[in-house]
Amino acid sequence: MKTLVTYFSKTGNTEEIARAIQDALPVDKKIVPIHDLEGAEGYDIIFCGFPVHAHSVPEKAQSFIKALGEGQQVAFFSTHGSLRGGQLPKQAFENAIGLAAKARILGHFGCRGKVDPKVIEMLMNQQENRAWAQEAQSASGHPDQADIEDAKAWALSIIAKV
């Protein structure tokens, strides 16, 4: 089974989870940042990761996701400052699934990731974003070892599914 792990990471959170997924996979695998990827043809499964930005998929990952081929098997993973299971990460996964209209979605995994303190400071000064900024402050220290282990277990469950 030929597997690709690709990701976009600005702060290193998503890259850390991508590397954990790669380490867990007991199959033929390759890890490549999205911006260095020259195509995703020939892979049986693609693990595609991104940070949640404004409850959506960042533009740098959108074009890759849109280009996934008919029936291509993909599993999404993300990092975010929100609490696990929160509405904003759910919206990002819904966005990714909508972008991958031709692909076969195998699942998704999300975990917390530290947010750039400059972003938190900026959002704390915006009344409409203050509550989220306060929530994001508690993501400091993530992804942690429990997040890493959860990502590895999830990746193995995706491989078992296929």
N, C-alpha and C. Protein backbone atom coordinates (compact mmCIF):
# COMPACT_ATOMS: atom_id res chain seq x y z
N MET A 1 0.85 -1.17 0.00
CA MET A 1 0.00 0.00 0.00
C MET A 1 0.90 1.24 0.00
N LYS A 2 0.80 2.05 -1.01
CA LYS A 2 1.62 3.25 -1.15
C LYS A 2 0.86 4.44 -0.56
N THR A 3 1.48 5.10 0.43
CA THR A 3 0.79 6.14 1.20
C THR A 3 1.58 7.43 1.18
N LEU A 4 0.86 8.53 1.02
CA LEU A 4 1.45 9.87 1.07
C LEU A 4 0.91 10.60 2.30
N VAL A 5 1.81 11.21 3.04
CA VAL A 5 1.44 12.12 4.13
C VAL A 5 1.89 13.49 3.67
N THR A 6 0.95 14.39 3.48
CA THR A 6 1.28 15.75 3.05
C THR A 6 0.59 16.73 3.97
N TYR A 7 1.17 17.92 4.08
CA TYR A 7 0.65 18.87 5.06
C TYR A 7 1.08 20.29 4.72
N PHE A 8 0.30 21.22 5.22
CA PHE A 8 0.69 22.63 5.26
C PHE A 8 0.78 22.99 6.74
N SER A 9 1.90 23.60 7.13
CA SER A 9 2.09 23.95 8.53
C SER A 9 2.77 25.30 8.62
N LYS A 10 2.18 26.19 9.38
CA LYS A 10 2.78 27.51 9.56
C LYS A 10 3.57 27.60 10.86
N THR A 11 3.07 27.00 11.92
CA THR A 11 3.71 27.10 13.24
C THR A 11 4.47 25.84 13.62
N GLY A 12 4.33 24.77 12.84
CA GLY A 12 4.97 23.51 13.15
C GLY A 12 4.04 22.49 13.79
N ASN A 13 2.86 22.92 14.23
CA ASN A 13 1.91 22.00 14.87
C ASN A 13 1.49 20.88 13.92
N THR A 14 1.05 21.26 12.73
CA THR A 14 0.55 20.27 11.78
C THR A 14 1.67 19.38 11.28
N GLU A 15 2.86 19.94 11.11
CA GLU A 15 4.00 19.12 10.72
C GLU A 15 4.31 18.08 11.79
N GLU A 16 4.21 18.45 13.05
CA GLU A 16 4.46 17.50 14.13
C GLU A 16 3.49 16.32 14.08
N ILE A 17 2.22 16.62 13.81
CA ILE A 17 1.22 15.56 13.70
C ILE A 17 1.48 14.73 12.44
N ALA A 18 1.86 15.37 11.34
CA ALA A 18 2.18 14.64 10.11
C ALA A 18 3.31 13.65 10.34
N ARG A 19 4.33 14.07 11.04
CA ARG A 19 5.47 13.18 11.31
C ARG A 19 5.06 12.01 12.22
N ALA A 20 4.17 12.28 13.16
CA ALA A 20 3.67 11.20 14.03
C ALA A 20 2.90 10.18 13.20
N ILE A 21 2.07 10.67 12.29
CA ILE A 21 1.30 9.78 11.41
C ILE A 21 2.25 8.95 10.56
N GLN A 22 3.23 9.61 9.97
CA GLN A 22 4.21 8.89 9.15
C GLN A 22 4.91 7.80 9.96
N ASP A 23 5.33 8.13 11.18
CA ASP A 23 6.01 7.17 12.04
C ASP A 23 5.14 5.95 12.35
N ALA A 24 3.85 6.17 12.47
CA ALA A 24 2.93 5.08 12.85
C ALA A 24 2.59 4.14 11.71
N LEU A 25 2.70 4.61 10.48
CA LEU A 25 2.23 3.82 9.34
C LEU A 25 3.17 2.66 9.02
N PRO A 26 2.64 1.43 9.02
CA PRO A 26 3.46 0.25 8.72
C PRO A 26 3.42 -0.12 7.24
N VAL A 27 3.41 0.89 6.36
CA VAL A 27 3.27 0.66 4.93
C VAL A 27 4.32 1.49 4.19
N ASP A 28 4.39 1.31 2.87
CA ASP A 28 5.25 2.14 2.02
C ASP A 28 4.72 3.56 2.10
N LYS A 29 5.54 4.50 2.55
CA LYS A 29 5.04 5.85 2.82
C LYS A 29 6.07 6.91 2.43
N LYS A 30 5.53 8.09 2.19
CA LYS A 30 6.34 9.26 1.86
C LYS A 30 5.70 10.45 2.54
N ILE A 31 6.52 11.36 3.08
CA ILE A 31 6.01 12.58 3.69
C ILE A 31 6.59 13.76 2.93
N VAL A 32 5.71 14.68 2.51
CA VAL A 32 6.13 15.85 1.74
C VAL A 32 5.23 17.03 2.10
N PRO A 33 5.82 18.18 2.43
CA PRO A 33 4.98 19.37 2.63
C PRO A 33 4.21 19.68 1.33
N ILE A 34 3.00 20.17 1.47
CA ILE A 34 2.16 20.45 0.29
C ILE A 34 2.89 21.35 -0.70
N HIS A 35 3.61 22.36 -0.22
CA HIS A 35 4.26 23.31 -1.13
C HIS A 35 5.42 22.67 -1.91
N ASP A 36 5.90 21.49 -1.50
CA ASP A 36 6.96 20.79 -2.23
C ASP A 36 6.44 19.63 -3.06
N LEU A 37 5.15 19.39 -3.01
CA LEU A 37 4.55 18.24 -3.69
C LEU A 37 4.38 18.52 -5.17
N GLU A 38 4.77 17.55 -5.99
CA GLU A 38 4.64 17.70 -7.43
C GLU A 38 3.51 16.86 -8.01
N GLY A 39 2.63 16.39 -7.20
CA GLY A 39 1.51 15.56 -7.65
C GLY A 39 1.26 14.44 -6.69
N ALA A 40 0.05 13.95 -6.69
CA ALA A 40 -0.34 12.90 -5.74
C ALA A 40 -0.81 11.64 -6.45
N GLU A 41 -0.46 11.50 -7.72
CA GLU A 41 -0.87 10.33 -8.47
C GLU A 41 -0.09 9.11 -7.97
N GLY A 42 -0.74 7.97 -8.02
CA GLY A 42 -0.07 6.72 -7.71
C GLY A 42 -0.10 6.32 -6.24
N TYR A 43 -0.75 7.09 -5.40
CA TYR A 43 -0.84 6.75 -3.98
C TYR A 43 -2.18 6.09 -3.70
N ASP A 44 -2.15 5.05 -2.89
CA ASP A 44 -3.38 4.36 -2.51
C ASP A 44 -4.16 5.16 -1.47
N ILE A 45 -3.43 5.82 -0.57
CA ILE A 45 -4.06 6.65 0.47
C ILE A 45 -3.24 7.92 0.63
N ILE A 46 -3.94 9.03 0.83
CA ILE A 46 -3.29 10.30 1.13
C ILE A 46 -3.80 10.80 2.47
N PHE A 47 -2.87 11.08 3.36
CA PHE A 47 -3.19 11.78 4.61
C PHE A 47 -2.84 13.23 4.35
N CYS A 48 -3.82 14.11 4.45
CA CYS A 48 -3.63 15.52 4.13
C CYS A 48 -3.92 16.38 5.36
N GLY A 49 -2.91 17.15 5.80
CA GLY A 49 -3.07 17.94 7.01
C GLY A 49 -2.95 19.43 6.78
N PHE A 50 -3.64 20.17 7.64
CA PHE A 50 -3.64 21.63 7.56
C PHE A 50 -4.02 22.21 8.92
N PRO A 51 -3.60 23.45 9.18
CA PRO A 51 -4.09 24.14 10.37
C PRO A 51 -5.44 24.77 10.04
N VAL A 52 -6.28 24.86 11.02
CA VAL A 52 -7.57 25.54 10.80
C VAL A 52 -7.32 27.04 10.88
N HIS A 53 -7.68 27.74 9.83
CA HIS A 53 -7.57 29.21 9.79
C HIS A 53 -8.97 29.77 9.57
N ALA A 54 -9.43 30.58 10.51
CA ALA A 54 -10.75 31.21 10.38
C ALA A 54 -11.82 30.17 10.05
N HIS A 55 -11.81 29.07 10.78
CA HIS A 55 -12.71 27.92 10.65
C HIS A 55 -12.80 27.38 9.23
N SER A 56 -11.64 27.37 8.53
CA SER A 56 -11.60 26.88 7.16
C SER A 56 -10.23 26.27 6.86
N VAL A 57 -10.10 25.79 5.63
CA VAL A 57 -8.85 25.24 5.13
C VAL A 57 -8.03 26.39 4.56
N PRO A 58 -6.77 26.51 4.93
CA PRO A 58 -5.94 27.59 4.37
C PRO A 58 -5.82 27.45 2.85
N GLU A 59 -5.68 28.58 2.18
CA GLU A 59 -5.60 28.57 0.72
C GLU A 59 -4.48 27.68 0.20
N LYS A 60 -3.36 27.61 0.91
CA LYS A 60 -2.23 26.80 0.44
C LYS A 60 -2.58 25.32 0.37
N ALA A 61 -3.56 24.87 1.13
CA ALA A 61 -3.98 23.47 1.08
C ALA A 61 -5.19 23.28 0.17
N GLN A 62 -5.97 24.33 -0.05
CA GLN A 62 -7.20 24.21 -0.84
C GLN A 62 -6.95 23.71 -2.26
N SER A 63 -5.94 24.26 -2.94
CA SER A 63 -5.73 23.86 -4.34
C SER A 63 -5.34 22.38 -4.43
N PHE A 64 -4.55 21.90 -3.49
CA PHE A 64 -4.20 20.47 -3.48
C PHE A 64 -5.45 19.62 -3.29
N ILE A 65 -6.28 19.99 -2.33
CA ILE A 65 -7.48 19.21 -2.03
C ILE A 65 -8.43 19.21 -3.23
N LYS A 66 -8.60 20.35 -3.86
CA LYS A 66 -9.48 20.44 -5.03
C LYS A 66 -9.00 19.56 -6.18
N ALA A 67 -7.70 19.35 -6.27
CA ALA A 67 -7.12 18.59 -7.39
C ALA A 67 -7.12 17.08 -7.16
N LEU A 68 -7.57 16.62 -6.00
CA LEU A 68 -7.61 15.18 -5.75
C LEU A 68 -8.48 14.50 -6.81
N GLY A 69 -8.00 13.37 -7.30
CA GLY A 69 -8.67 12.69 -8.39
C GLY A 69 -9.90 11.89 -7.99
N GLU A 70 -10.62 11.47 -9.00
CA GLU A 70 -11.82 10.66 -8.83
C GLU A 70 -11.50 9.40 -8.03
N GLY A 71 -12.19 9.22 -6.90
CA GLY A 71 -12.02 8.04 -6.08
C GLY A 71 -10.76 7.99 -5.25
N GLN A 72 -9.91 9.03 -5.33
CA GLN A 72 -8.69 9.05 -4.52
C GLN A 72 -9.06 8.96 -3.05
N GLN A 73 -8.42 8.06 -2.33
CA GLN A 73 -8.71 7.87 -0.91
C GLN A 73 -7.90 8.87 -0.09
N VAL A 74 -8.61 9.67 0.71
CA VAL A 74 -7.93 10.71 1.50
C VAL A 74 -8.48 10.73 2.92
N ALA A 75 -7.56 10.99 3.85
CA ALA A 75 -7.92 11.19 5.26
C ALA A 75 -7.34 12.54 5.67
N PHE A 76 -8.17 13.37 6.25
CA PHE A 76 -7.75 14.72 6.64
C PHE A 76 -7.37 14.77 8.11
N PHE A 77 -6.36 15.58 8.42
CA PHE A 77 -6.03 15.87 9.81
C PHE A 77 -5.73 17.36 9.94
N SER A 78 -6.00 17.90 11.12
CA SER A 78 -5.76 19.33 11.31
C SER A 78 -5.34 19.61 12.75
N THR A 79 -4.78 20.79 12.91
CA THR A 79 -4.50 21.32 14.24
C THR A 79 -5.22 22.65 14.35
N HIS A 80 -5.58 23.01 15.58
CA HIS A 80 -6.38 24.23 15.78
C HIS A 80 -6.29 24.68 17.23
N GLY A 81 -6.63 25.93 17.46
CA GLY A 81 -6.60 26.48 18.81
C GLY A 81 -7.87 26.23 19.59
N SER A 82 -8.89 25.74 18.94
CA SER A 82 -10.18 25.50 19.59
C SER A 82 -10.14 24.24 20.43
N LEU A 83 -11.15 24.08 21.27
CA LEU A 83 -11.30 22.84 22.02
C LEU A 83 -11.63 21.72 21.05
N ARG A 84 -11.20 20.50 21.35
CA ARG A 84 -11.52 19.36 20.49
C ARG A 84 -13.03 19.21 20.40
N GLY A 85 -13.50 18.94 19.21
CA GLY A 85 -14.93 18.76 19.00
C GLY A 85 -15.69 20.06 18.84
N GLY A 86 -14.97 21.18 18.82
CA GLY A 86 -15.62 22.47 18.70
C GLY A 86 -16.16 22.72 17.30
N GLN A 87 -17.00 23.71 17.18
CA GLN A 87 -17.67 24.03 15.92
C GLN A 87 -16.69 24.51 14.84
N LEU A 88 -15.69 25.31 15.19
CA LEU A 88 -14.79 25.85 14.17
C LEU A 88 -13.97 24.75 13.47
N PRO A 89 -13.38 23.80 14.19
CA PRO A 89 -12.69 22.72 13.47
C PRO A 89 -13.64 21.86 12.64
N LYS A 90 -14.85 21.64 13.14
CA LYS A 90 -15.83 20.87 12.37
C LYS A 90 -16.12 21.56 11.04
N GLN A 91 -16.26 22.89 11.07
CA GLN A 91 -16.51 23.62 9.84
C GLN A 91 -15.35 23.49 8.86
N ALA A 92 -14.12 23.46 9.38
CA ALA A 92 -12.96 23.31 8.50
C ALA A 92 -12.98 21.94 7.82
N PHE A 93 -13.31 20.90 8.56
CA PHE A 93 -13.39 19.56 7.95
C PHE A 93 -14.51 19.52 6.91
N GLU A 94 -15.65 20.13 7.20
CA GLU A 94 -16.73 20.19 6.22
C GLU A 94 -16.27 20.90 4.96
N ASN A 95 -15.49 21.97 5.15
CA ASN A 95 -14.94 22.71 4.01
C ASN A 95 -14.01 21.80 3.20
N ALA A 96 -13.12 21.08 3.87
CA ALA A 96 -12.18 20.18 3.18
C ALA A 96 -12.93 19.10 2.41
N ILE A 97 -13.94 18.53 3.02
CA ILE A 97 -14.73 17.48 2.36
C ILE A 97 -15.42 18.04 1.12
N GLY A 98 -15.94 19.25 1.22
CA GLY A 98 -16.56 19.89 0.07
C GLY A 98 -15.58 20.16 -1.06
N LEU A 99 -14.35 20.52 -0.71
CA LEU A 99 -13.31 20.78 -1.72
C LEU A 99 -12.88 19.50 -2.42
N ALA A 100 -12.95 18.38 -1.72
CA ALA A 100 -12.51 17.09 -2.26
C ALA A 100 -13.69 16.34 -2.86
N ALA A 101 -14.46 17.01 -3.67
CA ALA A 101 -15.72 16.48 -4.18
C ALA A 101 -15.59 15.13 -4.90
N LYS A 102 -14.46 14.89 -5.57
CA LYS A 102 -14.30 13.66 -6.35
C LYS A 102 -13.63 12.55 -5.54
N ALA A 103 -13.04 12.88 -4.42
CA ALA A 103 -12.27 11.91 -3.64
C ALA A 103 -13.17 11.08 -2.74
N ARG A 104 -12.60 10.01 -2.23
CA ARG A 104 -13.28 9.16 -1.24
C ARG A 104 -12.69 9.51 0.12
N ILE A 105 -13.50 10.06 1.01
CA ILE A 105 -13.04 10.51 2.32
C ILE A 105 -13.05 9.33 3.28
N LEU A 106 -11.90 9.05 3.88
CA LEU A 106 -11.76 7.93 4.80
C LEU A 106 -11.97 8.33 6.26
N GLY A 107 -11.82 9.61 6.56
CA GLY A 107 -11.99 10.06 7.93
C GLY A 107 -11.24 11.35 8.17
N HIS A 108 -11.34 11.83 9.40
CA HIS A 108 -10.62 13.04 9.77
C HIS A 108 -10.25 13.01 11.24
N PHE A 109 -9.18 13.74 11.55
CA PHE A 109 -8.65 13.81 12.90
C PHE A 109 -8.24 15.25 13.18
N GLY A 110 -8.59 15.73 14.33
CA GLY A 110 -8.18 17.08 14.72
C GLY A 110 -7.67 17.08 16.15
N CYS A 111 -6.70 17.92 16.40
CA CYS A 111 -6.22 18.12 17.76
C CYS A 111 -5.78 19.57 17.93
N ARG A 112 -5.62 19.93 19.16
CA ARG A 112 -5.24 21.30 19.47
C ARG A 112 -3.78 21.55 19.09
N GLY A 113 -3.50 22.80 18.80
CA GLY A 113 -2.15 23.24 18.50
C GLY A 113 -1.98 24.66 19.00
N LYS A 114 -0.78 24.95 19.47
CA LYS A 114 -0.54 26.30 19.99
C LYS A 114 -0.78 27.33 18.89
N VAL A 115 -1.30 28.47 19.28
CA VAL A 115 -1.60 29.56 18.36
C VAL A 115 -0.54 30.64 18.56
N ASP A 116 -0.10 31.23 17.49
CA ASP A 116 0.88 32.31 17.54
C ASP A 116 0.39 33.38 18.52
N PRO A 117 1.20 33.72 19.53
CA PRO A 117 0.78 34.74 20.52
C PRO A 117 0.41 36.08 19.89
N LYS A 118 1.03 36.42 18.76
CA LYS A 118 0.68 37.68 18.08
C LYS A 118 -0.75 37.65 17.55
N VAL A 119 -1.16 36.48 17.08
CA VAL A 119 -2.53 36.31 16.59
C VAL A 119 -3.51 36.43 17.76
N ILE A 120 -3.18 35.77 18.86
CA ILE A 120 -4.05 35.85 20.04
C ILE A 120 -4.17 37.29 20.51
N GLU A 121 -3.05 37.99 20.59
CA GLU A 121 -3.06 39.39 21.04
C GLU A 121 -3.93 40.25 20.13
N MET A 122 -3.80 40.06 18.82
CA MET A 122 -4.61 40.84 17.87
C MET A 122 -6.10 40.55 18.06
N LEU A 123 -6.45 39.26 18.22
CA LEU A 123 -7.86 38.88 18.35
C LEU A 123 -8.45 39.29 19.70
N MET A 124 -7.61 39.38 20.73
CA MET A 124 -8.10 39.82 22.04
C MET A 124 -8.59 41.27 21.98
N ASN A 125 -8.08 42.02 21.02
CA ASN A 125 -8.49 43.42 20.86
C ASN A 125 -9.73 43.59 19.99
N GLN A 126 -10.28 42.47 19.52
CA GLN A 126 -11.49 42.50 18.70
C GLN A 126 -12.60 41.83 19.50
N GLN A 127 -13.57 42.61 19.90
CA GLN A 127 -14.62 42.08 20.78
C GLN A 127 -15.26 40.81 20.22
N GLU A 128 -15.50 40.76 18.92
CA GLU A 128 -16.18 39.60 18.32
C GLU A 128 -15.29 38.34 18.32
N ASN A 129 -13.99 38.49 18.52
CA ASN A 129 -13.08 37.35 18.52
C ASN A 129 -12.45 37.07 19.88
N ARG A 130 -12.76 37.87 20.86
CA ARG A 130 -12.12 37.76 22.17
C ARG A 130 -12.35 36.40 22.83
N ALA A 131 -13.56 35.89 22.77
CA ALA A 131 -13.85 34.60 23.42
C ALA A 131 -13.01 33.48 22.81
N TRP A 132 -12.90 33.47 21.48
CA TRP A 132 -12.08 32.44 20.85
C TRP A 132 -10.61 32.63 21.22
N ALA A 133 -10.13 33.85 21.25
CA ALA A 133 -8.73 34.11 21.60
C ALA A 133 -8.43 33.61 23.01
N GLN A 134 -9.37 33.78 23.92
CA GLN A 134 -9.18 33.28 25.27
C GLN A 134 -9.11 31.75 25.28
N GLU A 135 -9.97 31.13 24.49
CA GLU A 135 -9.96 29.67 24.36
C GLU A 135 -8.63 29.20 23.77
N ALA A 136 -8.15 29.91 22.75
CA ALA A 136 -6.92 29.53 22.07
C ALA A 136 -5.70 29.63 22.98
N GLN A 137 -5.74 30.50 23.96
CA GLN A 137 -4.61 30.61 24.90
C GLN A 137 -4.37 29.28 25.61
N SER A 138 -5.43 28.53 25.85
CA SER A 138 -5.28 27.26 26.56
C SER A 138 -4.73 26.15 25.67
N ALA A 139 -4.50 26.43 24.39
CA ALA A 139 -3.92 25.43 23.49
C ALA A 139 -2.39 25.42 23.56
N SER A 140 -1.83 26.33 24.35
CA SER A 140 -0.38 26.36 24.53
C SER A 140 0.07 25.00 25.06
N GLY A 141 1.16 24.50 24.52
CA GLY A 141 1.64 23.17 24.94
C GLY A 141 1.12 22.04 24.08
N HIS A 142 0.32 22.37 23.10
CA HIS A 142 -0.21 21.35 22.18
C HIS A 142 0.42 21.56 20.80
N PRO A 143 0.53 20.52 20.01
CA PRO A 143 0.15 19.16 20.34
C PRO A 143 1.07 18.59 21.41
N ASP A 144 0.46 17.85 22.32
CA ASP A 144 1.23 17.21 23.39
C ASP A 144 1.35 15.71 23.09
N GLN A 145 1.94 14.97 23.99
CA GLN A 145 2.18 13.55 23.75
C GLN A 145 0.87 12.78 23.57
N ALA A 146 -0.16 13.16 24.30
CA ALA A 146 -1.46 12.49 24.13
C ALA A 146 -2.01 12.74 22.73
N ASP A 147 -1.86 13.97 22.22
CA ASP A 147 -2.30 14.29 20.86
C ASP A 147 -1.54 13.44 19.84
N ILE A 148 -0.23 13.31 20.04
CA ILE A 148 0.61 12.52 19.14
C ILE A 148 0.15 11.06 19.12
N GLU A 149 -0.09 10.51 20.29
CA GLU A 149 -0.52 9.11 20.38
C GLU A 149 -1.91 8.93 19.75
N ASP A 150 -2.80 9.90 19.96
CA ASP A 150 -4.13 9.83 19.33
C ASP A 150 -4.02 9.87 17.81
N ALA A 151 -3.12 10.70 17.28
CA ALA A 151 -2.93 10.81 15.83
C ALA A 151 -2.40 9.48 15.27
N LYS A 152 -1.46 8.88 15.97
CA LYS A 152 -0.92 7.59 15.52
C LYS A 152 -2.00 6.51 15.50
N ALA A 153 -2.79 6.45 16.56
CA ALA A 153 -3.87 5.45 16.62
C ALA A 153 -4.89 5.69 15.52
N TRP A 154 -5.22 6.94 15.26
CA TRP A 154 -6.17 7.28 14.19
C TRP A 154 -5.62 6.83 12.84
N ALA A 155 -4.34 7.13 12.57
CA ALA A 155 -3.73 6.75 11.29
C ALA A 155 -3.80 5.24 11.09
N LEU A 156 -3.51 4.49 12.14
CA LEU A 156 -3.58 3.02 12.04
C LEU A 156 -5.01 2.55 11.78
N SER A 157 -5.99 3.26 12.37
CA SER A 157 -7.39 2.88 12.13
C SER A 157 -7.78 3.15 10.68
N ILE A 158 -7.23 4.18 10.08
CA ILE A 158 -7.52 4.47 8.66
C ILE A 158 -6.93 3.38 7.79
N ILE A 159 -5.69 2.98 8.07
CA ILE A 159 -5.06 1.91 7.28
C ILE A 159 -5.84 0.61 7.43
N ALA A 160 -6.30 0.31 8.64
CA ALA A 160 -7.07 -0.91 8.87
C ALA A 160 -8.39 -0.89 8.10
N LYS A 161 -8.96 0.30 7.95
CA LYS A 161 -10.22 0.46 7.23
C LYS A 161 -10.07 0.10 5.75
N VAL A 162 -8.90 0.39 5.22
CA VAL A 162 -8.65 0.16 3.79
C VAL A 162 -8.15 -1.26 3.58
